[in-house]
Amino acid sequence: MEPGKVGRIGEAIAWLRTLGEAGDTDALERAVRLLAEAGRIEQAITWYRRAGEAGNANALWHVTQLLEKAGRPEEGKKLRRYGWEPHGAIAQPWEAAPPPAWVGSVRHAS
């Protein structure tokens, strides 16, 4: 990255962060993209998690991409499969039993 752009990117991130904290999820997503482009992957992951909590439906997908880019593909796969815990950690593996055969079928009374 060019030396003159570093300060401007920092200013942009700060401004976008302020908007994001006020509820602008698009601004928060733009700030996170700038963080990732600047190589600040861990910060970008944290901010994407916040964006997800604020309702950004694409946040989880973006984090999986960042994890793969950071050389952590297994974490990305685990996140994609199991999601986040309410406190922000990647959920532990879980399994759900298949529904009974009658779920979804219509039963008529005789």
Protein backbone atom coordinates (compact mmCIF):
# COMPACT_ATOMS: atom_id res chain seq x y z
CA MET A 1 0.00 0.00 0.00
CA GLU A 2 1.25 3.47 -0.82
CA PRO A 3 2.48 5.44 2.23
CA GLY A 4 0.24 8.47 1.50
CA LYS A 5 -2.87 6.29 1.35
CA VAL A 6 -2.38 4.68 4.76
CA GLY A 7 -3.48 7.77 6.71
CA ARG A 8 -6.43 8.38 4.41
CA ILE A 9 -7.57 4.77 4.77
CA GLY A 10 -7.34 5.14 8.55
CA GLU A 11 -9.52 8.25 8.34
CA ALA A 12 -12.01 6.47 6.10
CA ILE A 13 -12.20 3.48 8.45
CA ALA A 14 -12.78 5.76 11.45
CA TRP A 15 -15.53 7.67 9.64
CA LEU A 16 -17.21 4.51 8.36
CA ARG A 17 -16.94 2.92 11.81
CA THR A 18 -18.83 5.86 13.32
CA LEU A 19 -21.59 5.38 10.77
CA GLY A 20 -21.60 1.64 11.38
CA GLU A 21 -21.91 2.06 15.13
CA ALA A 22 -24.91 4.30 14.46
CA GLY A 23 -26.58 1.39 12.64
CA ASP A 24 -25.42 1.82 9.03
CA THR A 25 -24.49 -1.79 8.21
CA ASP A 26 -23.39 -0.86 4.68
CA ALA A 27 -20.85 1.62 6.09
CA LEU A 28 -19.64 -1.01 8.52
CA GLU A 29 -19.18 -3.48 5.66
CA ARG A 30 -17.17 -0.92 3.66
CA ALA A 31 -14.97 -0.26 6.70
CA VAL A 32 -14.35 -3.96 7.12
CA ARG A 33 -13.38 -4.35 3.47
CA LEU A 34 -10.83 -1.55 3.92
CA LEU A 35 -9.44 -3.28 7.02
CA ALA A 36 -9.06 -6.54 5.10
CA GLU A 37 -7.38 -4.79 2.17
CA ALA A 38 -4.97 -3.16 4.64
CA GLY A 39 -4.07 -6.62 5.97
CA ARG A 40 -5.82 -6.15 9.31
CA ILE A 41 -7.59 -9.51 9.04
CA GLU A 42 -8.32 -10.10 12.74
CA GLN A 43 -9.94 -6.68 13.06
CA ALA A 44 -11.91 -7.30 9.89
CA ILE A 45 -13.20 -10.61 11.28
CA THR A 46 -14.24 -8.94 14.54
CA TRP A 47 -16.05 -6.17 12.67
CA TYR A 48 -17.80 -8.60 10.33
CA ARG A 49 -19.03 -10.46 13.39
CA ARG A 50 -20.47 -7.15 14.65
CA ALA A 51 -22.03 -6.54 11.24
CA GLY A 52 -23.65 -9.97 11.47
CA GLU A 53 -25.03 -9.15 14.90
CA ALA A 54 -26.42 -5.92 13.42
CA GLY A 55 -28.26 -7.86 10.72
CA ASN A 56 -25.83 -8.11 7.82
CA ALA A 57 -26.77 -11.43 6.21
CA ASN A 58 -23.46 -11.68 4.29
CA ALA A 59 -21.15 -11.27 7.28
CA LEU A 60 -20.66 -14.98 7.97
CA TRP A 61 -19.76 -15.66 4.34
CA HIS A 62 -17.23 -12.81 4.35
CA VAL A 63 -15.60 -14.13 7.52
CA THR A 64 -15.23 -17.59 6.00
CA GLN A 65 -13.49 -15.98 3.01
CA LEU A 66 -11.15 -13.99 5.28
CA LEU A 67 -10.29 -17.09 7.30
CA GLU A 68 -9.37 -18.95 4.12
CA LYS A 69 -7.33 -15.96 2.90
CA ALA A 70 -5.53 -15.91 6.28
CA GLY A 71 -4.57 -19.59 5.87
CA ARG A 72 -7.21 -20.88 8.30
CA PRO A 73 -9.49 -22.88 5.99
CA GLU A 74 -10.56 -25.38 8.67
CA GLU A 75 -11.96 -22.55 10.80
CA GLY A 76 -13.77 -21.25 7.74
CA LYS A 77 -15.32 -24.65 7.06
CA LYS A 78 -16.37 -25.03 10.69
CA LEU A 79 -17.94 -21.56 10.71
CA ARG A 80 -19.78 -22.22 7.45
CA ARG A 81 -21.19 -25.49 8.80
CA TYR A 82 -22.00 -24.63 12.43
CA GLY A 83 -22.24 -20.83 12.57
CA TRP A 84 -21.50 -18.52 15.48
CA GLU A 85 -22.34 -18.88 19.14
CA PRO A 86 -24.25 -15.93 20.65
CA HIS A 87 -21.02 -14.63 22.23
CA GLY A 88 -19.24 -14.62 18.85
CA ALA A 89 -17.13 -17.79 18.92
CA ILE A 90 -17.43 -20.39 16.18
CA ALA A 91 -19.99 -22.95 17.32
CA GLN A 92 -18.89 -26.44 18.26
CA PRO A 93 -19.99 -29.32 16.04
CA TRP A 94 -23.56 -30.41 16.61
CA GLU A 95 -26.02 -32.78 15.04
CA ALA A 96 -29.77 -32.73 14.87
CA ALA A 97 -31.91 -35.81 14.61
CA PRO A 98 -33.94 -36.04 11.42
CA PRO A 99 -37.58 -35.18 11.89
CA PRO A 100 -40.09 -38.01 12.24
CA ALA A 101 -41.49 -39.29 8.95
CA TRP A 102 -44.91 -37.78 9.65
CA VAL A 103 -43.63 -34.20 9.98
CA GLY A 104 -44.76 -32.24 6.98
CA SER A 105 -47.26 -34.82 5.79
CA VAL A 106 -50.96 -34.19 6.00
CA ARG A 107 -53.06 -36.52 8.07
CA HIS A 108 -56.80 -36.65 7.58
CA ALA A 109 -59.19 -37.67 10.31
CA SER A 110 -61.39 -40.66 9.46
